[in-house]
Amino acid sequence: MKQSGANTSKIVWIPHGVDLSMNPDPRPAPDDGLFTITYLGAHNEWNSLDPILDAAKLLQESGNKILFRFVGAGESKSALEERARVENIRNIRFEDPVAKKLVSAIQHESDAFIINNRRDNVSKHWMSFNKLYDYLAAGRPVVFGSYTDNDPVVESGAGISVEAGSPAALAKAIELLAAQPREKLLEYGRLGRKFVKDHYSIPVLIDRFEAMALEITRSAS
């Protein structure tokens, strides 16, 4: 908007928010010998999930005990499932979408989350993913294939950001997280949870909106 000549004093940005009452305090992930990394969201072309399948294939070939969970639905899901079947990618589990009230249970079964940007001009200049803030609120580290000018994972210190769409970079980041002690993973998660609470929780955003409304009211009187 600034580049288009807008008066920046008249712009207030209120981003996506997280209702922390629906994201209870994190509990430890199961200690089952697997490092489980989850994608939870829509399975569409926009979500650029094929590079994540490529990363899963690379990690399968290296013999790591890493499980990818894909939870959700979308127009690309059947093609992704068929690709995993044809290419014999066995470290992926596709699951149906779940009700919002059940999301936190799945999140707490995970050791980490993953999200990957498309490489296009829309993503480059500004993106705000609802699911990314839900991931951070769950208190788990995040692997972010980033192609954005803004990067909440870097800002919060809650995980690892790598080049978007690069299977090798995504796989390496997942390997690095899987090799971390549980205490380090908990620290990533603590930073993400605090970041959301301080900047993206619903009460914080309500206060921002209220301050804007009061300012407009005073200016008009």
C-alpha atoms as a PDB file:
ATOM      1  CA  MET A   1       0.000   0.000   0.000  1.00  0.00           C
ATOM      2  CA  LYS A   2       2.890   2.346   0.768  1.00  0.00           C
ATOM      3  CA  GLN A   3       4.407   1.660  -2.660  1.00  0.00           C
ATOM      4  CA  SER A   4       1.052   2.607  -4.186  1.00  0.00           C
ATOM      5  CA  GLY A   5       1.152   5.995  -2.445  1.00  0.00           C
ATOM      6  CA  ALA A   6      -1.012   5.303   0.610  1.00  0.00           C
ATOM      7  CA  ASN A   7      -0.631   7.453   3.717  1.00  0.00           C
ATOM      8  CA  THR A   8       1.030   5.049   6.164  1.00  0.00           C
ATOM      9  CA  SER A   9      -0.342   6.961   9.147  1.00  0.00           C
ATOM     10  CA  LYS A  10      -3.777   5.683   8.110  1.00  0.00           C
ATOM     11  CA  ILE A  11      -2.747   2.019   7.929  1.00  0.00           C
ATOM     12  CA  VAL A  12      -3.171  -0.367  10.864  1.00  0.00           C
ATOM     13  CA  TRP A  13      -2.224  -3.997  10.344  1.00  0.00           C
ATOM     14  CA  ILE A  14      -4.136  -6.558  12.398  1.00  0.00           C
ATOM     15  CA  PRO A  15      -2.917 -10.019  11.374  1.00  0.00           C
ATOM     16  CA  HIS A  16      -4.260 -13.529  11.756  1.00  0.00           C
ATOM     17  CA  GLY A  17      -4.635 -14.483  15.375  1.00  0.00           C
ATOM     18  CA  VAL A  18      -4.612 -17.580  17.546  1.00  0.00           C
ATOM     19  CA  ASP A  19      -7.154 -18.469  20.207  1.00  0.00           C
ATOM     20  CA  LEU A  20      -4.874 -19.950  22.842  1.00  0.00           C
ATOM     21  CA  SER A  21      -7.890 -21.325  24.714  1.00  0.00           C
ATOM     22  CA  MET A  22      -8.157 -23.822  21.828  1.00  0.00           C
ATOM     23  CA  ASN A  23      -4.410 -24.503  22.002  1.00  0.00           C
ATOM     24  CA  PRO A  24      -3.764 -25.846  25.515  1.00  0.00           C
ATOM     25  CA  ASP A  25      -0.315 -25.731  27.074  1.00  0.00           C
ATOM     26  CA  PRO A  26       1.977 -28.107  25.174  1.00  0.00           C
ATOM     27  CA  ARG A  27       2.729 -31.535  26.546  1.00  0.00           C
ATOM     28  CA  PRO A  28       5.726 -33.699  25.545  1.00  0.00           C
ATOM     29  CA  ALA A  29       5.522 -35.655  22.313  1.00  0.00           C
ATOM     30  CA  PRO A  30       5.383 -39.464  22.618  1.00  0.00           C
ATOM     31  CA  ASP A  31       8.787 -41.068  23.090  1.00  0.00           C
ATOM     32  CA  ASP A  32       8.165 -43.869  20.582  1.00  0.00           C
ATOM     33  CA  GLY A  33      11.476 -43.978  18.727  1.00  0.00           C
ATOM     34  CA  LEU A  34      10.108 -42.049  15.746  1.00  0.00           C
ATOM     35  CA  PHE A  35      10.561 -38.380  14.937  1.00  0.00           C
ATOM     36  CA  THR A  36       7.132 -37.359  13.679  1.00  0.00           C
ATOM     37  CA  ILE A  37       6.825 -34.227  11.556  1.00  0.00           C
ATOM     38  CA  THR A  38       3.329 -33.131  10.610  1.00  0.00           C
ATOM     39  CA  TYR A  39       1.707 -31.068   7.892  1.00  0.00           C
ATOM     40  CA  LEU A  40      -1.792 -30.167   8.993  1.00  0.00           C
ATOM     41  CA  GLY A  41      -3.889 -28.195   6.518  1.00  0.00           C
ATOM     42  CA  ALA A  42      -5.255 -28.038   2.994  1.00  0.00           C
ATOM     43  CA  HIS A  43      -3.749 -30.283   0.309  1.00  0.00           C
ATOM     44  CA  ASN A  44      -3.869 -27.932  -2.674  1.00  0.00           C
ATOM     45  CA  GLU A  45      -1.437 -26.725  -5.312  1.00  0.00           C
ATOM     46  CA  TRP A  46      -1.058 -23.472  -3.376  1.00  0.00           C
ATOM     47  CA  ASN A  47       0.423 -25.379  -0.429  1.00  0.00           C
ATOM     48  CA  SER A  48       3.335 -26.763  -2.486  1.00  0.00           C
ATOM     49  CA  LEU A  49       3.493 -30.198  -0.879  1.00  0.00           C
ATOM     50  CA  ASP A  50       5.410 -32.119  -3.558  1.00  0.00           C
ATOM     51  CA  PRO A  51       8.804 -30.852  -2.309  1.00  0.00           C
ATOM     52  CA  ILE A  52       7.906 -32.234   1.124  1.00  0.00           C
ATOM     53  CA  LEU A  53       7.264 -35.635  -0.462  1.00  0.00           C
ATOM     54  CA  ASP A  54      10.646 -35.329  -2.173  1.00  0.00           C
ATOM     55  CA  ALA A  55      12.249 -34.607   1.204  1.00  0.00           C
ATOM     56  CA  ALA A  56      10.510 -37.630   2.720  1.00  0.00           C
ATOM     57  CA  LYS A  57      11.888 -39.803  -0.059  1.00  0.00           C
ATOM     58  CA  LEU A  58      15.419 -38.525   0.553  1.00  0.00           C
ATOM     59  CA  LEU A  59      15.147 -39.250   4.266  1.00  0.00           C
ATOM     60  CA  GLN A  60      13.728 -42.705   3.622  1.00  0.00           C
ATOM     61  CA  GLU A  61      16.726 -43.505   1.458  1.00  0.00           C
ATOM     62  CA  SER A  62      19.077 -42.381   4.224  1.00  0.00           C
ATOM     63  CA  GLY A  63      17.423 -44.737   6.712  1.00  0.00           C
ATOM     64  CA  ASN A  64      16.268 -42.156   9.243  1.00  0.00           C
ATOM     65  CA  LYS A  65      13.440 -43.033  11.636  1.00  0.00           C
ATOM     66  CA  ILE A  66      11.287 -40.104  10.585  1.00  0.00           C
ATOM     67  CA  LEU A  67       7.545 -40.225   9.929  1.00  0.00           C
ATOM     68  CA  PHE A  68       5.654 -37.608   7.910  1.00  0.00           C
ATOM     69  CA  ARG A  69       1.976 -37.116   8.740  1.00  0.00           C
ATOM     70  CA  PHE A  70      -0.223 -35.316   6.223  1.00  0.00           C
ATOM     71  CA  VAL A  71      -3.535 -34.434   7.878  1.00  0.00           C
ATOM     72  CA  GLY A  72      -6.220 -32.728   5.837  1.00  0.00           C
ATOM     73  CA  ALA A  73      -7.988 -32.752   2.490  1.00  0.00           C
ATOM     74  CA  GLY A  74      -7.881 -30.943  -0.835  1.00  0.00           C
ATOM     75  CA  GLU A  75      -7.796 -31.279  -4.594  1.00  0.00           C
ATOM     76  CA  SER A  76      -4.158 -32.437  -4.625  1.00  0.00           C
ATOM     77  CA  LYS A  77      -4.471 -35.136  -1.967  1.00  0.00           C
ATOM     78  CA  SER A  78      -5.307 -38.079  -4.237  1.00  0.00           C
ATOM     79  CA  ALA A  79      -2.370 -37.233  -6.542  1.00  0.00           C
ATOM     80  CA  LEU A  80      -0.018 -37.004  -3.570  1.00  0.00           C
ATOM     81  CA  GLU A  81      -1.223 -40.361  -2.236  1.00  0.00           C
ATOM     82  CA  GLU A  82      -0.807 -41.953  -5.674  1.00  0.00           C
ATOM     83  CA  ARG A  83       2.664 -40.514  -6.026  1.00  0.00           C
ATOM     84  CA  ALA A  84       3.696 -41.915  -2.647  1.00  0.00           C
ATOM     85  CA  ARG A  85       2.311 -45.330  -3.662  1.00  0.00           C
ATOM     86  CA  VAL A  86       3.977 -45.416  -7.088  1.00  0.00           C
ATOM     87  CA  GLU A  87       7.334 -44.190  -5.757  1.00  0.00           C
ATOM     88  CA  ASN A  88       7.128 -46.443  -2.698  1.00  0.00           C
ATOM     89  CA  ILE A  89       7.565 -43.581  -0.223  1.00  0.00           C
ATOM     90  CA  ARG A  90       6.733 -45.498   2.935  1.00  0.00           C
ATOM     91  CA  ASN A  91       7.547 -42.940   5.641  1.00  0.00           C
ATOM     92  CA  ILE A  92       4.399 -40.906   4.918  1.00  0.00           C
ATOM     93  CA  ARG A  93       0.970 -41.350   6.463  1.00  0.00           C
ATOM     94  CA  PHE A  94      -2.025 -39.590   4.929  1.00  0.00           C
ATOM     95  CA  GLU A  95      -4.919 -38.903   7.276  1.00  0.00           C
ATOM     96  CA  ASP A  96      -8.385 -37.402   7.012  1.00  0.00           C
ATOM     97  CA  PRO A  97      -9.086 -33.856   8.230  1.00  0.00           C
ATOM     98  CA  VAL A  98     -10.228 -33.507  11.827  1.00  0.00           C
ATOM     99  CA  ALA A  99     -12.541 -31.130  13.662  1.00  0.00           C
ATOM    100  CA  LYS A 100     -10.917 -27.998  15.086  1.00  0.00           C
ATOM    101  CA  LYS A 101     -11.405 -29.233  18.649  1.00  0.00           C
ATOM    102  CA  LEU A 102      -9.291 -32.317  17.861  1.00  0.00           C
ATOM    103  CA  VAL A 103      -6.404 -30.473  16.223  1.00  0.00           C
ATOM    104  CA  SER A 104      -4.443 -29.915  19.444  1.00  0.00           C
ATOM    105  CA  ALA A 105      -4.382 -33.670  20.139  1.00  0.00           C
ATOM    106  CA  ILE A 106      -2.736 -34.308  16.757  1.00  0.00           C
ATOM    107  CA  GLN A 107      -0.352 -31.409  17.278  1.00  0.00           C
ATOM    108  CA  HIS A 108       0.801 -32.816  20.611  1.00  0.00           C
ATOM    109  CA  GLU A 109       1.440 -36.221  18.996  1.00  0.00           C
ATOM    110  CA  SER A 110       3.973 -34.532  16.718  1.00  0.00           C
ATOM    111  CA  ASP A 111       7.623 -33.692  17.334  1.00  0.00           C
ATOM    112  CA  ALA A 112       7.652 -30.882  14.757  1.00  0.00           C
ATOM    113  CA  PHE A 113       5.663 -29.270  11.939  1.00  0.00           C
ATOM    114  CA  ILE A 114       6.454 -28.393   8.357  1.00  0.00           C
ATOM    115  CA  ILE A 115       5.221 -25.817   5.868  1.00  0.00           C
ATOM    116  CA  ASN A 116       6.541 -24.921   2.416  1.00  0.00           C
ATOM    117  CA  ASN A 117       5.987 -21.741   0.382  1.00  0.00           C
ATOM    118  CA  ARG A 118       5.321 -21.570  -3.311  1.00  0.00           C
ATOM    119  CA  ARG A 119       7.978 -19.629  -5.172  1.00  0.00           C
ATOM    120  CA  ASP A 120       5.955 -16.821  -6.752  1.00  0.00           C
ATOM    121  CA  ASN A 121       5.521 -13.073  -6.460  1.00  0.00           C
ATOM    122  CA  VAL A 122       2.451 -13.313  -4.246  1.00  0.00           C
ATOM    123  CA  SER A 123       4.306 -15.400  -1.673  1.00  0.00           C
ATOM    124  CA  LYS A 124       7.444 -13.320  -1.928  1.00  0.00           C
ATOM    125  CA  HIS A 125       6.118  -9.980  -0.805  1.00  0.00           C
ATOM    126  CA  TRP A 126       3.879 -10.979   2.078  1.00  0.00           C
ATOM    127  CA  MET A 127       2.223 -14.126   3.308  1.00  0.00           C
ATOM    128  CA  SER A 128       0.464 -14.922   6.567  1.00  0.00           C
ATOM    129  CA  PHE A 129      -0.405 -18.574   7.102  1.00  0.00           C
ATOM    130  CA  ASN A 130      -3.092 -19.392   9.659  1.00  0.00           C
ATOM    131  CA  LYS A 131      -1.569 -22.822  10.117  1.00  0.00           C
ATOM    132  CA  LEU A 132       1.889 -21.422  10.857  1.00  0.00           C
ATOM    133  CA  TYR A 133       0.612 -19.538  13.907  1.00  0.00           C
ATOM    134  CA  ASP A 134      -1.291 -22.638  15.032  1.00  0.00           C
ATOM    135  CA  TYR A 135       1.952 -24.597  14.727  1.00  0.00           C
ATOM    136  CA  LEU A 136       3.817 -22.071  16.860  1.00  0.00           C
ATOM    137  CA  ALA A 137       1.024 -22.035  19.444  1.00  0.00           C
ATOM    138  CA  ALA A 138       1.324 -25.813  19.788  1.00  0.00           C
ATOM    139  CA  GLY A 139       4.817 -25.430  21.218  1.00  0.00           C
ATOM    140  CA  ARG A 140       6.665 -27.470  18.621  1.00  0.00           C
ATOM    141  CA  PRO A 141       9.570 -26.543  16.327  1.00  0.00           C
ATOM    142  CA  VAL A 142       8.730 -25.663  12.737  1.00  0.00           C
ATOM    143  CA  VAL A 143      10.577 -26.348   9.494  1.00  0.00           C
ATOM    144  CA  PHE A 144       9.665 -23.531   7.122  1.00  0.00           C
ATOM    145  CA  GLY A 145      10.446 -23.591   3.412  1.00  0.00           C
ATOM    146  CA  SER A 146      10.365 -19.822   3.216  1.00  0.00           C
ATOM    147  CA  TYR A 147       9.999 -17.536   0.214  1.00  0.00           C
ATOM    148  CA  THR A 148       8.564 -14.570   2.081  1.00  0.00           C
ATOM    149  CA  ASP A 149       9.884 -11.169   3.078  1.00  0.00           C
ATOM    150  CA  ASN A 150       8.468 -11.867   6.536  1.00  0.00           C
ATOM    151  CA  ASP A 151       9.429 -15.010   8.431  1.00  0.00           C
ATOM    152  CA  PRO A 152       7.780 -15.689  11.814  1.00  0.00           C
ATOM    153  CA  VAL A 153       9.956 -18.776  12.351  1.00  0.00           C
ATOM    154  CA  VAL A 154      13.135 -16.693  12.175  1.00  0.00           C
ATOM    155  CA  GLU A 155      11.568 -13.858  14.185  1.00  0.00           C
ATOM    156  CA  SER A 156      10.546 -16.191  16.993  1.00  0.00           C
ATOM    157  CA  GLY A 157      13.556 -18.527  16.933  1.00  0.00           C
ATOM    158  CA  ALA A 158      11.092 -21.414  16.920  1.00  0.00           C
ATOM    159  CA  GLY A 159      12.618 -23.619  14.268  1.00  0.00           C
ATOM    160  CA  ILE A 160      14.578 -23.721  11.026  1.00  0.00           C
ATOM    161  CA  SER A 161      13.848 -21.744   7.853  1.00  0.00           C
ATOM    162  CA  VAL A 162      15.316 -22.926   4.559  1.00  0.00           C
ATOM    163  CA  GLU A 163      14.934 -22.237   0.858  1.00  0.00           C
ATOM    164  CA  ALA A 164      11.361 -22.827  -0.275  1.00  0.00           C
ATOM    165  CA  GLY A 165      10.792 -25.740  -2.623  1.00  0.00           C
ATOM    166  CA  SER A 166      14.189 -27.342  -1.976  1.00  0.00           C
ATOM    167  CA  PRO A 167      13.768 -31.002  -0.974  1.00  0.00           C
ATOM    168  CA  ALA A 168      17.432 -31.285   0.034  1.00  0.00           C
ATOM    169  CA  ALA A 169      17.223 -28.212   2.288  1.00  0.00           C
ATOM    170  CA  LEU A 170      13.956 -29.381   3.846  1.00  0.00           C
ATOM    171  CA  ALA A 171      15.386 -32.864   4.456  1.00  0.00           C
ATOM    172  CA  LYS A 172      18.549 -31.453   6.034  1.00  0.00           C
ATOM    173  CA  ALA A 173      16.531 -29.200   8.363  1.00  0.00           C
ATOM    174  CA  ILE A 174      14.383 -32.131   9.462  1.00  0.00           C
ATOM    175  CA  GLU A 175      17.486 -34.240  10.079  1.00  0.00           C
ATOM    176  CA  LEU A 176      18.971 -31.452  12.195  1.00  0.00           C
ATOM    177  CA  LEU A 177      15.844 -31.216  14.322  1.00  0.00           C
ATOM    178  CA  ALA A 178      15.529 -34.993  14.674  1.00  0.00           C
ATOM    179  CA  ALA A 179      19.099 -35.129  16.024  1.00  0.00           C
ATOM    180  CA  GLN A 180      18.408 -32.509  18.720  1.00  0.00           C
ATOM    181  CA  PRO A 181      17.896 -33.513  22.351  1.00  0.00           C
ATOM    182  CA  ARG A 182      14.324 -33.228  23.594  1.00  0.00           C
ATOM    183  CA  GLU A 183      15.297 -30.250  25.758  1.00  0.00           C
ATOM    184  CA  LYS A 184      16.302 -28.286  22.637  1.00  0.00           C
ATOM    185  CA  LEU A 185      13.043 -29.168  20.873  1.00  0.00           C
ATOM    186  CA  LEU A 186      11.125 -27.957  23.924  1.00  0.00           C
ATOM    187  CA  GLU A 187      13.060 -24.685  23.837  1.00  0.00           C
ATOM    188  CA  TYR A 188      12.118 -24.135  20.187  1.00  0.00           C
ATOM    189  CA  GLY A 189       8.521 -24.777  21.155  1.00  0.00           C
ATOM    190  CA  ARG A 190       8.631 -22.451  24.144  1.00  0.00           C
ATOM    191  CA  LEU A 191       9.911 -19.609  21.972  1.00  0.00           C
ATOM    192  CA  GLY A 192       7.180 -20.169  19.389  1.00  0.00           C
ATOM    193  CA  ARG A 193       4.436 -20.261  21.998  1.00  0.00           C
ATOM    194  CA  LYS A 194       5.707 -17.049  23.624  1.00  0.00           C
ATOM    195  CA  PHE A 195       5.950 -15.315  20.246  1.00  0.00           C
ATOM    196  CA  VAL A 196       2.318 -16.097  19.456  1.00  0.00           C
ATOM    197  CA  LYS A 197       1.147 -15.107  22.930  1.00  0.00           C
ATOM    198  CA  ASP A 198       2.953 -11.762  22.751  1.00  0.00           C
ATOM    199  CA  HIS A 199       2.070 -10.815  19.165  1.00  0.00           C
ATOM    200  CA  TYR A 200      -0.721 -12.937  17.688  1.00  0.00           C
ATOM    201  CA  SER A 201      -3.062 -13.985  20.503  1.00  0.00           C
ATOM    202  CA  ILE A 202      -6.670 -12.805  20.225  1.00  0.00           C
ATOM    203  CA  PRO A 203      -6.532 -10.501  23.313  1.00  0.00           C
ATOM    204  CA  VAL A 204      -3.474  -8.703  21.905  1.00  0.00           C
ATOM    205  CA  LEU A 205      -5.197  -8.186  18.553  1.00  0.00           C
ATOM    206  CA  ILE A 206      -8.414  -7.017  20.215  1.00  0.00           C
ATOM    207  CA  ASP A 207      -6.428  -4.418  22.154  1.00  0.00           C
ATOM    208  CA  ARG A 208      -4.846  -3.238  18.906  1.00  0.00           C
ATOM    209  CA  PHE A 209      -8.229  -2.946  17.219  1.00  0.00           C
ATOM    210  CA  GLU A 210      -9.720  -1.142  20.209  1.00  0.00           C
ATOM    211  CA  ALA A 211      -6.852   1.371  20.274  1.00  0.00           C
ATOM    212  CA  MET A 212      -7.401   2.049  16.570  1.00  0.00           C
ATOM    213  CA  ALA A 213     -11.160   2.509  17.050  1.00  0.00           C
ATOM    214  CA  LEU A 214     -10.650   4.905  19.954  1.00  0.00           C
ATOM    215  CA  GLU A 215      -8.138   6.926  17.949  1.00  0.00           C
ATOM    216  CA  ILE A 216     -10.574   7.217  15.042  1.00  0.00           C
ATOM    217  CA  THR A 217     -13.362   8.226  17.420  1.00  0.00           C
ATOM    218  CA  ARG A 218     -11.244  10.953  18.979  1.00  0.00           C
ATOM    219  CA  SER A 219     -10.181  12.243  15.575  1.00  0.00           C
ATOM    220  CA  ALA A 220     -13.793  12.450  14.410  1.00  0.00           C
ATOM    221  CA  SER A 221     -15.066  14.286  17.502  1.00  0.00           C
END
